[in-house]
């Protein structure tokens, strides 16, 4: 299984490199270090959200409310900063993470305690969170001139040549890698997605594990909410509208199995970067926005087909080994 995961990540990495090379043939400046750093920075929020979505998908669930969570937390932090500019920025960041986690826990509790299908729960909270944004803001925007300079500056501050927005994504990558591969909680996510019945016999609480995945997803959405609003210096009801589809697409392209129990942090990051390169490259080479959507959709379909064939092949190998042992 590990070799299968490795080969899928390597194939995606090679495809990503080839994509960059093809675009650079048309626009040589695209392959420059500064340009690629810019692409990574532009994709940082998508990477953070894809890692959260990965945790949920590993448990055979899905979170379609991530973008709405992002928008609600972003609006709350922006309104709080506009009302009380003196609040320390680290406090706002922590508050954003906590609020996002609380919103994620709502999804987790409904899935765990009421046994409602995750897609139904998160479709409902997707709409509810957007409605709450309208209620608390009365449909008004929070614009750049209402935000403090410190609030807007954080994502743009540079450390060792990289903006803090990029560092935020890198920290999340390392933290989630350690969580998924070095902790019992991370291994429980894979176990629940791989075989929930067997997980129960090993002492894993399936419902609680899925709840934890939704809380983690919500916390990362909250962090992304602050980063999004502070970077673009605007907050409104429809912020990040439809972005949850990009998040799911990044996971699918990255080889995170919708059936659960299979996927890697590297795959999620590569899937997000693949979409990021497409979204940054296609306008540069003057491709119509309609074709951009078609190309992104085609990439998703190809990834799904590749993943399905890989999983079937793995299943045949397992069955073959079982027959030989008997």
Protein backbone atom coordinates (compact mmCIF):
# COMPACT_ATOMS: atom_id res chain seq x y z
CA UNK A 1 0.00 0.00 0.00
CA UNK A 2 2.87 2.37 0.81
CA UNK A 3 4.44 1.79 -2.61
CA UNK A 4 1.09 2.51 -4.22
CA UNK A 5 0.81 5.79 -2.31
CA UNK A 6 4.39 6.71 -3.20
CA UNK A 7 3.92 6.02 -6.90
CA UNK A 8 0.75 8.13 -7.00
CA UNK A 9 2.50 11.07 -5.31
CA UNK A 10 5.49 10.74 -7.62
CA UNK A 11 3.27 10.66 -10.71
CA UNK A 12 1.46 13.79 -9.54
CA UNK A 13 4.76 15.54 -8.77
CA UNK A 14 6.05 14.72 -12.27
CA UNK A 15 2.79 15.94 -13.81
CA UNK A 16 3.12 19.17 -11.84
CA UNK A 17 6.68 19.71 -13.05
CA UNK A 18 5.67 18.99 -16.66
CA UNK A 19 2.81 21.47 -16.35
CA UNK A 20 5.18 24.18 -15.15
CA UNK A 21 7.60 23.38 -18.01
CA UNK A 22 4.81 23.53 -20.62
CA UNK A 23 3.59 26.88 -19.34
CA UNK A 24 7.15 28.25 -19.20
CA UNK A 25 7.59 27.41 -22.90
CA UNK A 26 4.84 29.93 -23.61
CA UNK A 27 5.74 32.34 -20.81
CA UNK A 28 9.39 31.80 -19.67
CA UNK A 29 9.04 33.99 -16.59
CA UNK A 30 6.53 31.58 -15.07
CA UNK A 31 9.27 29.12 -14.06
CA UNK A 32 11.31 31.73 -12.21
CA UNK A 33 11.85 31.33 -8.48
CA UNK A 34 9.90 34.48 -7.65
CA UNK A 35 6.98 33.36 -9.80
CA UNK A 36 6.83 29.88 -8.27
CA UNK A 37 7.07 31.34 -4.76
CA UNK A 38 4.15 33.57 -5.71
CA UNK A 39 2.14 30.57 -6.90
CA UNK A 40 2.80 28.76 -3.63
CA UNK A 41 1.76 31.84 -1.68
CA UNK A 42 -1.43 32.18 -3.72
CA UNK A 43 -2.19 28.51 -3.07
CA UNK A 44 -1.39 28.56 0.66
CA UNK A 45 -4.98 28.93 1.83
CA UNK A 46 -6.12 26.12 -0.47
CA UNK A 47 -3.34 23.91 0.94
CA UNK A 48 -4.44 24.60 4.51
CA UNK A 49 -8.06 23.78 3.71
CA UNK A 50 -7.12 20.67 1.69
CA UNK A 51 -5.25 19.29 4.71
CA UNK A 52 -8.35 19.78 6.85
CA UNK A 53 -10.56 18.19 4.23
CA UNK A 54 -8.15 15.28 3.98
CA UNK A 55 -8.64 14.49 7.67
CA UNK A 56 -12.40 14.31 7.15
CA UNK A 57 -12.27 12.32 3.91
CA UNK A 58 -9.94 9.76 5.47
CA UNK A 59 -12.81 8.81 7.80
CA UNK A 60 -15.25 8.30 4.90
CA UNK A 61 -16.90 11.70 5.49
CA UNK A 62 -16.82 15.04 3.67
CA UNK A 63 -17.00 18.66 4.81
CA UNK A 64 -18.72 20.95 2.31
CA UNK A 65 -19.01 23.78 4.84
CA UNK A 66 -15.32 24.69 4.97
CA UNK A 67 -15.61 27.79 2.78
CA UNK A 68 -18.65 29.00 4.71
CA UNK A 69 -16.79 28.40 7.97
CA UNK A 70 -13.90 30.41 6.54
CA UNK A 71 -16.25 33.23 5.54
CA UNK A 72 -18.05 33.38 8.91
CA UNK A 73 -14.84 33.37 10.94
CA UNK A 74 -13.29 35.91 8.58
CA UNK A 75 -16.28 38.23 8.97
CA UNK A 76 -16.24 37.87 12.78
CA UNK A 77 -12.54 38.69 13.06
CA UNK A 78 -12.83 41.58 10.61
CA UNK A 79 -15.82 43.09 12.45
CA UNK A 80 -14.08 42.66 15.81
CA UNK A 81 -10.93 44.32 14.50
CA UNK A 82 -12.94 47.18 13.00
CA UNK A 83 -14.78 47.72 16.30
CA UNK A 84 -11.78 47.30 18.62
CA UNK A 85 -8.59 47.95 16.59
CA UNK A 86 -6.40 47.61 19.68
CA UNK A 87 -7.01 43.87 20.12
CA UNK A 88 -3.66 42.05 19.66
CA UNK A 89 -3.42 40.21 16.34
CA UNK A 90 -2.22 36.92 17.94
CA UNK A 91 -5.41 36.95 20.02
CA UNK A 92 -7.50 37.35 16.85
CA UNK A 93 -5.67 34.46 15.18
CA UNK A 94 -6.24 32.18 18.18
CA UNK A 95 -9.87 33.31 18.35
CA UNK A 96 -10.31 32.49 14.65
CA UNK A 97 -8.94 28.97 15.15
CA UNK A 98 -11.15 28.36 18.21
CA UNK A 99 -14.28 29.72 16.51
CA UNK A 100 -13.58 27.60 13.43
CA UNK A 101 -13.12 24.53 15.61
CA UNK A 102 -16.44 25.21 17.36
CA UNK A 103 -18.21 25.45 14.00
CA UNK A 104 -16.53 22.23 12.92
CA UNK A 105 -17.65 20.55 16.14
CA UNK A 106 -21.27 21.25 15.19
CA UNK A 107 -20.77 19.15 12.06
CA UNK A 108 -18.98 16.49 14.04
CA UNK A 109 -21.66 16.21 16.71
CA UNK A 110 -24.48 15.93 14.16
CA UNK A 111 -22.62 13.19 12.30
CA UNK A 112 -21.58 11.38 15.49
CA UNK A 113 -24.58 11.65 17.79
CA UNK A 114 -27.45 11.83 15.29
CA UNK A 115 -25.85 9.62 12.63
CA UNK A 116 -26.82 12.05 9.85
CA UNK A 117 -24.90 11.58 6.56
CA UNK A 118 -21.96 14.03 6.49
CA UNK A 119 -22.86 15.42 3.07
CA UNK A 120 -26.35 16.33 4.33
CA UNK A 121 -25.02 17.87 7.55
CA UNK A 122 -22.38 20.00 5.85
CA UNK A 123 -24.71 21.12 3.06
CA UNK A 124 -27.03 22.35 5.78
CA UNK A 125 -24.34 24.12 7.82
CA UNK A 126 -22.91 25.57 4.60
CA UNK A 127 -26.15 27.51 4.19
CA UNK A 128 -26.59 28.25 7.89
CA UNK A 129 -23.12 29.75 8.25
CA UNK A 130 -23.71 32.01 5.23
CA UNK A 131 -27.02 33.09 6.74
CA UNK A 132 -25.34 33.95 10.04
CA UNK A 133 -22.83 36.12 8.19
CA UNK A 134 -25.70 38.11 6.68
CA UNK A 135 -27.40 38.46 10.08
CA UNK A 136 -24.37 39.70 11.99
CA UNK A 137 -23.20 42.03 9.22
CA UNK A 138 -26.64 43.10 7.97
CA UNK A 139 -25.31 42.38 4.49
CA UNK A 140 -22.63 45.07 4.82
CA UNK A 141 -18.98 44.79 3.84
CA UNK A 142 -15.97 45.37 6.07
CA UNK A 143 -13.53 47.22 3.84
CA UNK A 144 -9.78 47.86 4.01
CA UNK A 145 -10.06 51.33 5.53
CA UNK A 146 -12.00 49.87 8.49
CA UNK A 147 -9.28 47.32 9.31
CA UNK A 148 -6.17 48.14 11.30
CA UNK A 149 -2.79 48.20 9.58
CA UNK A 150 -1.56 45.32 11.73
CA UNK A 151 -4.58 43.19 10.85
CA UNK A 152 -3.86 43.53 7.13
CA UNK A 153 -0.08 43.28 7.40
CA UNK A 154 0.31 39.77 8.88
CA UNK A 155 0.01 37.67 5.68
CA UNK A 156 2.43 40.00 3.87
CA UNK A 157 5.17 40.13 6.49
CA UNK A 158 8.26 38.30 5.24
CA UNK A 159 10.49 35.89 7.12
CA UNK A 160 13.53 34.46 5.36
CA UNK A 161 12.16 35.66 2.03
CA UNK A 162 8.73 34.05 2.40
CA UNK A 163 5.48 35.80 3.40
CA UNK A 164 3.88 34.66 6.65
CA UNK A 165 0.97 33.34 4.60
CA UNK A 166 3.32 30.80 3.01
CA UNK A 167 4.89 30.02 6.38
CA UNK A 168 1.42 29.34 7.77
CA UNK A 169 0.87 26.72 5.07
CA UNK A 170 4.31 25.18 5.66
CA UNK A 171 3.69 24.93 9.41
CA UNK A 172 0.34 23.26 8.78
CA UNK A 173 1.96 20.80 6.36
CA UNK A 174 4.57 19.75 8.92
CA UNK A 175 2.08 19.64 11.80
CA UNK A 176 -0.47 17.56 9.88
CA UNK A 177 2.21 15.21 8.59
CA UNK A 178 3.34 14.53 12.15
CA UNK A 179 -0.27 14.16 13.30
CA UNK A 180 -1.23 11.69 10.58
CA UNK A 181 1.93 9.58 10.71
CA UNK A 182 3.24 9.83 14.28
CA UNK A 183 0.20 9.88 16.56
CA UNK A 184 -2.48 7.40 17.56
CA UNK A 185 -5.16 9.91 16.60
CA UNK A 186 -3.79 10.21 13.10
CA UNK A 187 -3.57 6.46 12.66
CA UNK A 188 -7.16 6.20 13.91
CA UNK A 189 -8.31 8.36 10.99
CA UNK A 190 -6.85 5.87 8.53
CA UNK A 191 -8.21 2.90 10.48
CA UNK A 192 -11.75 4.29 10.60
CA UNK A 193 -11.72 5.01 6.88
CA UNK A 194 -10.08 1.74 5.94
CA UNK A 195 -12.49 -0.50 7.87
CA UNK A 196 -14.81 1.04 10.50
CA UNK A 197 -15.95 -2.37 11.79
CA UNK A 198 -12.41 -3.59 12.33
CA UNK A 199 -11.51 -0.25 13.95
CA UNK A 200 -14.19 -0.83 16.59
CA UNK A 201 -12.64 -4.16 17.53
CA UNK A 202 -9.27 -2.49 18.04
CA UNK A 203 -10.80 -0.09 20.57
CA UNK A 204 -11.19 2.95 18.31
CA UNK A 205 -14.31 5.05 18.83
CA UNK A 206 -15.42 5.64 15.23
CA UNK A 207 -17.85 8.44 16.06
CA UNK A 208 -15.37 10.34 18.20
CA UNK A 209 -12.65 9.96 15.59
CA UNK A 210 -14.91 11.47 12.93
CA UNK A 211 -15.85 14.23 15.39
CA UNK A 212 -12.15 15.01 15.89
CA UNK A 213 -11.65 15.15 12.12
CA UNK A 214 -14.43 17.73 11.75
CA UNK A 215 -13.00 19.80 14.63
CA UNK A 216 -9.58 19.78 12.95
CA UNK A 217 -11.18 20.72 9.62
CA UNK A 218 -13.04 23.58 11.32
CA UNK A 219 -9.93 24.85 13.11
CA UNK A 220 -7.99 25.03 9.84
CA UNK A 221 -10.97 26.72 8.18
CA UNK A 222 -10.95 29.31 10.96
CA UNK A 223 -7.25 29.99 10.48
CA UNK A 224 -7.83 30.28 6.74
CA UNK A 225 -10.69 32.70 7.43
CA UNK A 226 -8.42 35.18 9.16
CA UNK A 227 -5.67 34.76 6.54
CA UNK A 228 -8.12 35.26 3.65
CA UNK A 229 -9.77 38.39 5.06
CA UNK A 230 -6.51 39.98 6.18
CA UNK A 231 -4.80 39.23 2.86
CA UNK A 232 -7.54 40.59 0.60
CA UNK A 233 -8.58 43.27 3.12
CA UNK A 234 -12.30 42.78 2.65
CA UNK A 235 -15.05 40.72 4.27
CA UNK A 236 -18.54 40.13 2.91
CA UNK A 237 -21.30 37.50 2.81
CA UNK A 238 -20.16 35.66 -0.32
CA UNK A 239 -16.45 35.54 0.44
CA UNK A 240 -14.85 32.31 -0.83
CA UNK A 241 -18.15 31.29 -2.43
CA UNK A 242 -17.79 27.87 -4.07
CA UNK A 243 -14.24 27.45 -2.77
CA UNK A 244 -15.21 24.21 -1.06
CA UNK A 245 -15.31 22.60 -4.51
CA UNK A 246 -11.68 23.57 -5.10
CA UNK A 247 -10.78 22.06 -1.73
CA UNK A 248 -12.44 18.72 -2.54
CA UNK A 249 -10.89 18.80 -6.02
CA UNK A 250 -7.41 19.30 -4.54
CA UNK A 251 -7.89 16.24 -2.34
CA UNK A 252 -9.21 14.11 -5.20
CA UNK A 253 -6.39 15.14 -7.53
CA UNK A 254 -3.96 14.47 -4.70
CA UNK A 255 -5.10 10.85 -4.42
CA UNK A 256 -7.14 11.13 -1.23
CA UNK A 257 -9.63 8.30 -1.64
CA UNK A 258 -13.27 9.32 -1.26
CA UNK A 259 -13.83 5.78 0.01
CA UNK A 260 -11.66 6.68 3.00
CA UNK A 261 -8.51 5.32 4.60
CA UNK A 262 -6.09 6.22 1.81
CA UNK A 263 -4.12 9.38 1.17
CA UNK A 264 -1.07 11.38 2.16
CA UNK A 265 -0.20 14.92 3.16
CA UNK A 266 2.15 15.12 0.18
CA UNK A 267 -0.71 14.14 -2.12
CA UNK A 268 -3.04 16.79 -0.70
CA UNK A 269 -0.36 19.47 -1.05
CA UNK A 270 0.52 18.41 -4.60
CA UNK A 271 -3.17 18.36 -5.55
CA UNK A 272 -3.62 21.90 -4.24
CA UNK A 273 -0.47 23.07 -6.02
CA UNK A 274 -1.63 21.44 -9.26
CA UNK A 275 -4.83 23.47 -9.12
CA UNK A 276 -2.87 26.54 -8.07
CA UNK A 277 -0.55 26.27 -11.07
CA UNK A 278 -3.53 25.84 -13.40
CA UNK A 279 -5.35 28.86 -12.00
CA UNK A 280 -2.22 31.02 -12.14
CA UNK A 281 -0.92 29.78 -15.49
CA UNK A 282 -3.99 29.73 -17.72
CA UNK A 283 -4.74 33.47 -17.51
CA UNK A 284 -1.06 34.20 -18.24
CA UNK A 285 -1.23 32.32 -21.53
CA UNK A 286 -4.55 33.97 -22.44
CA UNK A 287 -6.83 30.95 -22.09
CA UNK A 288 -10.54 31.75 -21.69
CA UNK A 289 -12.02 31.39 -18.18
CA UNK A 290 -14.48 28.88 -19.64
CA UNK A 291 -11.60 26.68 -20.79
CA UNK A 292 -9.96 27.12 -17.39
CA UNK A 293 -12.98 25.52 -15.75
CA UNK A 294 -13.06 22.75 -18.35
CA UNK A 295 -9.36 21.98 -17.85
CA UNK A 296 -9.74 21.94 -14.06
CA UNK A 297 -12.75 19.63 -14.35
CA UNK A 298 -10.90 17.33 -16.74
CA UNK A 299 -8.00 17.09 -14.29
CA UNK A 300 -10.41 16.04 -11.55
CA UNK A 301 -12.03 13.33 -13.73
CA UNK A 302 -8.64 11.95 -14.79
CA UNK A 303 -7.52 11.88 -11.14
CA UNK A 304 -10.68 10.01 -10.08
CA UNK A 305 -10.18 7.42 -12.84
CA UNK A 306 -6.52 6.98 -11.91
CA UNK A 307 -7.37 6.62 -8.21
CA UNK A 308 -10.14 4.10 -8.90
CA UNK A 309 -7.87 1.95 -11.09
CA UNK A 310 -5.11 2.08 -8.48
CA UNK A 311 -7.45 1.03 -5.68
CA UNK A 312 -8.86 -1.86 -7.74
CA UNK A 313 -5.34 -2.98 -8.54
CA UNK A 314 -4.44 -2.87 -4.85
CA UNK A 315 -7.53 -4.93 -4.08
CA UNK A 316 -6.52 -7.60 -6.59
CA UNK A 317 -3.04 -7.77 -5.05
CA UNK A 318 -4.51 -8.25 -1.59
CA UNK A 319 -6.84 -10.99 -2.83
CA UNK A 320 -3.98 -12.71 -4.63
CA UNK A 321 -1.89 -12.74 -1.46
CA UNK A 322 -4.85 -14.14 0.49
CA UNK A 323 -5.30 -16.96 -2.03
CA UNK A 324 -1.60 -17.82 -1.89
CA UNK A 325 -1.59 -17.91 1.91
CA UNK A 326 -4.61 -20.25 1.93
